[in-house]
């Protein structure tokens, strides 16, 4: 955890501080070594949130793009189940930054718990992920409606890890990794590639979003991408495209009917 309570104030880890967990009120230990990013840890193997994972520099760089009060927000549902969101904006959008492998059952549980959320996935964790995406982009095509930075593909498995293909929330893949603090939100950084959760006419929808647009949307809106509007526009365009293709196929069949070979009957009348 980045923050723990010191005299009821959220503070970052420091060797001289005595702190308590904001979720369970148990004592915390400051981990301030040189191998990992500074953080707070529960004593022993205890952790009050079973979904909590060790942070990487990639995690911390992304979280630092948002105000401290939006980071590590404790959430409870109707059954008083408690979990800590990586980031929760003032508009109620939860952003979960995921570096390590995540079982599909836990992925589904987090989506059900947070409801309005997006994933940001570290695409640099495995060496094969970025080359697969670059190769898979050959299968992208523009949708039959004018939407900037939006593509469709019938082969999302050629681009993205299988475990993320069936999420019910948008998944933003970060194939660039961390940068310096000054360029994290700059336009010189690479794009994020968002796999939308719905399929239309068998097509997956992918949106290319700059980091600047991502951060601006996350800070100002409940949804970074207006998913419903994008899906509906593409659905109308693809249905129209399919209808035109079917009509052209019928016209072609009518204009060029299959030829019927002539049959010749041998005359029964003898020539002699």
Protein backbone atom coordinates (compact mmCIF):
# COMPACT_ATOMS: atom_id res chain seq x y z
CA UNK A 1 0.00 0.00 0.00
CA UNK A 2 1.18 3.51 -0.69
CA UNK A 3 -0.70 5.15 2.19
CA UNK A 4 -1.22 4.25 5.84
CA UNK A 5 -2.63 6.27 8.72
CA UNK A 6 -0.19 8.18 10.91
CA UNK A 7 -2.07 10.12 13.59
CA UNK A 8 -5.19 9.61 11.41
CA UNK A 9 -3.50 11.21 8.40
CA UNK A 10 -2.62 9.37 5.18
CA UNK A 11 1.16 9.17 4.86
CA UNK A 12 3.63 7.41 2.60
CA UNK A 13 6.06 4.87 3.96
CA UNK A 14 9.03 6.13 5.99
CA UNK A 15 11.24 4.11 8.40
CA UNK A 16 10.59 6.46 11.30
CA UNK A 17 6.78 6.35 11.19
CA UNK A 18 4.32 4.25 13.17
CA UNK A 19 1.24 3.66 11.07
CA UNK A 20 -2.00 1.70 10.92
CA UNK A 21 -3.96 0.25 8.04
CA UNK A 22 -6.84 2.51 6.91
CA UNK A 23 -8.90 -0.59 6.14
CA UNK A 24 -8.48 -2.86 9.17
CA UNK A 25 -6.70 -0.55 11.68
CA UNK A 26 -3.89 -3.06 12.21
CA UNK A 27 -0.22 -1.98 12.56
CA UNK A 28 1.74 -1.52 9.36
CA UNK A 29 5.44 -1.91 8.58
CA UNK A 30 7.27 0.58 6.37
CA UNK A 31 9.09 -1.21 3.55
CA UNK A 32 11.78 1.21 2.39
CA UNK A 33 14.37 -0.96 0.70
CA UNK A 34 16.16 -0.31 -2.58
CA UNK A 35 14.76 -3.20 -4.63
CA UNK A 36 11.09 -2.24 -4.65
CA UNK A 37 9.04 0.92 -4.51
CA UNK A 38 8.46 2.18 -0.95
CA UNK A 39 5.23 0.86 0.54
CA UNK A 40 3.40 -0.17 3.68
CA UNK A 41 2.82 -3.84 4.50
CA UNK A 42 0.78 -5.66 7.13
CA UNK A 43 2.71 -7.52 9.79
CA UNK A 44 3.21 -11.19 8.93
CA UNK A 45 1.32 -12.49 5.91
CA UNK A 46 -1.92 -10.79 6.82
CA UNK A 47 -3.70 -8.58 4.29
CA UNK A 48 -7.11 -7.08 4.83
CA UNK A 49 -7.89 -7.09 1.09
CA UNK A 50 -7.36 -10.44 -0.69
CA UNK A 51 -7.25 -8.60 -4.02
CA UNK A 52 -4.30 -6.44 -3.02
CA UNK A 53 -1.05 -7.04 -4.90
CA UNK A 54 2.53 -5.78 -4.58
CA UNK A 55 3.07 -2.57 -6.52
CA UNK A 56 5.58 -2.03 -9.29
CA UNK A 57 7.07 1.24 -10.47
CA UNK A 58 4.59 1.03 -13.35
CA UNK A 59 1.70 0.95 -10.85
CA UNK A 60 3.05 3.86 -8.88
CA UNK A 61 3.73 5.99 -11.97
CA UNK A 62 0.17 5.58 -13.18
CA UNK A 63 -1.37 6.21 -9.74
CA UNK A 64 0.71 9.37 -9.35
CA UNK A 65 -1.08 10.77 -12.40
CA UNK A 66 -4.09 11.28 -10.13
CA UNK A 67 -4.58 13.27 -6.90
CA UNK A 68 -3.53 11.41 -3.73
CA UNK A 69 -7.07 11.52 -2.35
CA UNK A 70 -8.25 9.48 -5.37
CA UNK A 71 -5.70 6.73 -4.73
CA UNK A 72 -6.30 3.59 -2.65
CA UNK A 73 -9.94 4.31 -1.94
CA UNK A 74 -11.65 1.83 0.38
CA UNK A 75 -14.99 0.65 -1.01
CA UNK A 76 -17.77 -1.42 0.55
CA UNK A 77 -20.77 -3.06 -1.08
CA UNK A 78 -24.25 -3.79 0.29
CA UNK A 79 -22.99 -6.95 2.03
CA UNK A 80 -20.17 -4.92 3.66
CA UNK A 81 -17.55 -6.64 1.53
CA UNK A 82 -14.50 -4.36 1.42
CA UNK A 83 -11.85 -3.80 -1.22
CA UNK A 84 -9.35 -1.07 -2.08
CA UNK A 85 -9.57 0.56 -5.50
CA UNK A 86 -6.28 1.64 -7.08
CA UNK A 87 -7.92 4.89 -8.17
CA UNK A 88 -11.47 6.14 -7.78
CA UNK A 89 -12.28 9.51 -9.30
CA UNK A 90 -14.70 12.07 -7.96
CA UNK A 91 -17.13 10.93 -10.68
CA UNK A 92 -17.17 7.37 -9.34
CA UNK A 93 -14.95 5.79 -12.01
CA UNK A 94 -12.65 3.06 -10.65
CA UNK A 95 -9.34 2.43 -12.43
CA UNK A 96 -7.51 -0.82 -11.70
CA UNK A 97 -3.89 -1.08 -12.84
CA UNK A 98 -2.91 -4.68 -13.47
CA UNK A 99 0.64 -5.95 -13.94
CA UNK A 100 0.60 -9.56 -12.76
CA UNK A 101 -1.52 -12.42 -14.08
CA UNK A 102 -5.08 -12.36 -12.78
CA UNK A 103 -7.34 -15.44 -12.56
CA UNK A 104 -10.53 -15.03 -14.58
CA UNK A 105 -12.69 -15.67 -11.50
CA UNK A 106 -11.09 -12.76 -9.64
CA UNK A 107 -11.29 -10.59 -12.73
CA UNK A 108 -15.04 -11.18 -12.93
CA UNK A 109 -15.43 -10.60 -9.18
CA UNK A 110 -13.67 -7.23 -9.35
CA UNK A 111 -15.81 -6.11 -12.27
CA UNK A 112 -18.99 -7.14 -10.45
CA UNK A 113 -17.87 -5.36 -7.27
CA UNK A 114 -16.74 -2.04 -8.76
CA UNK A 115 -19.35 -1.93 -11.59
CA UNK A 116 -18.17 1.32 -13.18
CA UNK A 117 -14.52 0.64 -13.85
CA UNK A 118 -11.77 0.23 -16.44
CA UNK A 119 -8.64 -1.88 -16.51
CA UNK A 120 -5.20 -0.62 -17.45
CA UNK A 121 -2.98 -3.61 -18.24
CA UNK A 122 0.81 -3.57 -18.37
CA UNK A 123 1.53 -4.87 -21.87
CA UNK A 124 5.27 -5.01 -21.20
CA UNK A 125 5.11 -7.80 -18.59
CA UNK A 126 5.51 -10.61 -21.13
CA UNK A 127 7.89 -10.25 -24.06
CA UNK A 128 5.45 -11.85 -26.51
CA UNK A 129 2.55 -9.47 -25.84
CA UNK A 130 3.75 -6.42 -27.78
CA UNK A 131 5.01 -8.34 -30.85
CA UNK A 132 1.70 -10.22 -30.96
CA UNK A 133 -0.19 -6.94 -30.87
CA UNK A 134 1.94 -5.39 -33.61
CA UNK A 135 1.41 -8.44 -35.81
CA UNK A 136 -2.30 -8.60 -34.97
CA UNK A 137 -2.89 -4.99 -35.98
CA UNK A 138 -2.77 -6.17 -39.59
CA UNK A 139 -6.28 -7.54 -38.97
CA UNK A 140 -7.67 -4.15 -37.94
CA UNK A 141 -9.97 -2.33 -40.33
CA UNK A 142 -11.86 0.92 -40.16
CA UNK A 143 -15.53 0.61 -39.21
CA UNK A 144 -18.18 1.71 -41.75
CA UNK A 145 -18.78 4.89 -39.72
CA UNK A 146 -16.43 7.88 -39.25
CA UNK A 147 -14.97 7.40 -35.75
CA UNK A 148 -11.46 8.69 -35.20
CA UNK A 149 -9.07 6.16 -33.72
CA UNK A 150 -11.63 3.33 -33.71
CA UNK A 151 -11.09 -0.01 -35.44
CA UNK A 152 -12.83 -3.37 -35.68
CA UNK A 153 -11.42 -6.86 -36.00
CA UNK A 154 -12.85 -10.36 -36.12
CA UNK A 155 -9.64 -11.70 -34.58
CA UNK A 156 -8.99 -10.01 -31.21
CA UNK A 157 -7.13 -13.12 -30.05
CA UNK A 158 -4.43 -12.28 -32.60
CA UNK A 159 -3.79 -9.00 -30.73
CA UNK A 160 -4.44 -9.40 -27.02
CA UNK A 161 -3.89 -12.01 -24.28
CA UNK A 162 -6.68 -14.57 -24.17
CA UNK A 163 -7.47 -13.96 -20.49
CA UNK A 164 -8.58 -10.38 -21.24
CA UNK A 165 -10.83 -11.06 -24.24
CA UNK A 166 -14.10 -11.60 -22.36
CA UNK A 167 -14.05 -8.78 -19.82
CA UNK A 168 -17.29 -6.91 -19.19
CA UNK A 169 -15.38 -3.64 -18.71
CA UNK A 170 -13.04 -1.70 -21.06
CA UNK A 171 -9.43 -2.91 -21.02
CA UNK A 172 -6.68 -0.40 -21.88
CA UNK A 173 -3.40 -2.07 -22.86
CA UNK A 174 -0.23 -0.09 -22.18
CA UNK A 175 2.57 -1.40 -24.41
CA UNK A 176 4.90 1.50 -23.60
CA UNK A 177 5.53 1.03 -19.88
CA UNK A 178 6.64 3.77 -17.51
CA UNK A 179 8.24 7.04 -18.51
CA UNK A 180 9.58 9.94 -16.51
CA UNK A 181 7.27 11.94 -14.29
CA UNK A 182 7.37 14.84 -16.74
CA UNK A 183 6.26 12.89 -19.79
CA UNK A 184 3.77 10.46 -18.26
CA UNK A 185 0.84 12.49 -19.57
CA UNK A 186 2.60 14.08 -22.54
CA UNK A 187 1.66 13.61 -26.15
CA UNK A 188 5.08 12.14 -26.92
CA UNK A 189 4.16 8.95 -25.09
CA UNK A 190 2.63 5.99 -26.91
CA UNK A 191 -1.02 5.18 -27.33
CA UNK A 192 -3.21 3.04 -25.13
CA UNK A 193 -5.24 0.44 -27.01
CA UNK A 194 -8.67 -0.16 -25.54
CA UNK A 195 -10.60 -3.38 -26.14
CA UNK A 196 -14.27 -2.59 -25.64
CA UNK A 197 -16.35 -5.24 -23.87
CA UNK A 198 -19.02 -5.80 -26.53
CA UNK A 199 -18.98 -7.57 -29.91
CA UNK A 200 -21.00 -6.38 -32.90
CA UNK A 201 -21.71 -8.62 -35.88
CA UNK A 202 -18.86 -10.83 -34.68
CA UNK A 203 -16.46 -7.87 -34.61
CA UNK A 204 -14.42 -6.68 -31.62
CA UNK A 205 -14.05 -2.91 -31.24
CA UNK A 206 -10.66 -1.34 -30.45
CA UNK A 207 -10.03 2.33 -29.69
CA UNK A 208 -6.62 4.01 -29.83
CA UNK A 209 -6.42 6.58 -27.03
CA UNK A 210 -3.49 8.83 -26.16
CA UNK A 211 -2.43 9.01 -22.54
CA UNK A 212 -3.41 12.64 -22.43
CA UNK A 213 -6.95 11.86 -23.62
CA UNK A 214 -7.17 8.92 -21.19
CA UNK A 215 -6.16 11.03 -18.19
CA UNK A 216 -8.37 13.95 -19.21
CA UNK A 217 -11.39 11.69 -19.65
CA UNK A 218 -10.75 9.88 -16.36
CA UNK A 219 -10.53 13.15 -14.46
CA UNK A 220 -13.64 14.72 -15.97
CA UNK A 221 -16.17 12.01 -16.88
CA UNK A 222 -17.83 8.88 -15.56
CA UNK A 223 -16.68 7.04 -18.69
CA UNK A 224 -13.46 7.63 -20.58
CA UNK A 225 -15.02 6.31 -23.81
CA UNK A 226 -18.78 6.65 -24.47
CA UNK A 227 -19.09 2.91 -24.97
CA UNK A 228 -22.83 2.69 -25.64
CA UNK A 229 -22.76 5.43 -28.28
CA UNK A 230 -19.72 3.93 -30.04
CA UNK A 231 -21.20 0.42 -30.06
CA UNK A 232 -24.56 1.60 -31.39
CA UNK A 233 -22.97 3.62 -34.20
CA UNK A 234 -20.78 0.73 -35.29
CA UNK A 235 -23.68 -1.72 -35.03
CA UNK A 236 -25.79 0.41 -37.40
CA UNK A 237 -22.88 0.75 -39.83
CA UNK A 238 -22.04 -2.97 -39.83
CA UNK A 239 -25.68 -3.98 -40.31
CA UNK A 240 -25.94 -1.58 -43.23
CA UNK A 241 -22.69 -2.94 -44.65
CA UNK A 242 -23.95 -6.52 -44.37
CA UNK A 243 -27.30 -5.64 -45.95
CA UNK A 244 -25.56 -3.99 -48.92
CA UNK A 245 -23.29 -7.02 -49.38
CA UNK A 246 -26.27 -9.38 -49.35
CA UNK A 247 -28.17 -7.20 -51.83
CA UNK A 248 -25.18 -7.07 -54.18
CA UNK A 249 -24.81 -10.84 -53.94
CA UNK A 250 -28.46 -11.34 -54.94
CA UNK A 251 -28.16 -8.90 -57.83
CA UNK A 252 -25.04 -10.65 -59.04
CA UNK A 253 -26.77 -14.02 -58.88
CA UNK A 254 -29.79 -12.65 -60.82
CA UNK A 255 -27.65 -10.99 -63.48
CA UNK A 256 -25.45 -14.05 -63.97
CA UNK A 257 -27.58 -17.15 -63.43
CA UNK A 258 -25.77 -20.47 -63.55
CA UNK A 259 -25.63 -21.84 -67.08
CA UNK A 260 -27.60 -24.96 -67.88
CA UNK A 261 -25.87 -27.28 -70.28
CA UNK A 262 -27.83 -28.29 -73.41
CA UNK A 263 -28.97 -31.90 -73.67
CA UNK A 264 -29.25 -33.60 -77.02
CA UNK A 265 -31.59 -36.50 -77.66
CA UNK A 266 -30.74 -39.09 -80.23
CA UNK A 267 -33.43 -39.39 -82.80
CA UNK A 268 -35.25 -42.67 -82.83
CA UNK A 269 -35.74 -42.43 -86.61
CA UNK A 270 -33.17 -44.43 -88.45
CA UNK A 271 -31.19 -42.68 -91.16
CA UNK A 272 -31.26 -45.83 -93.36
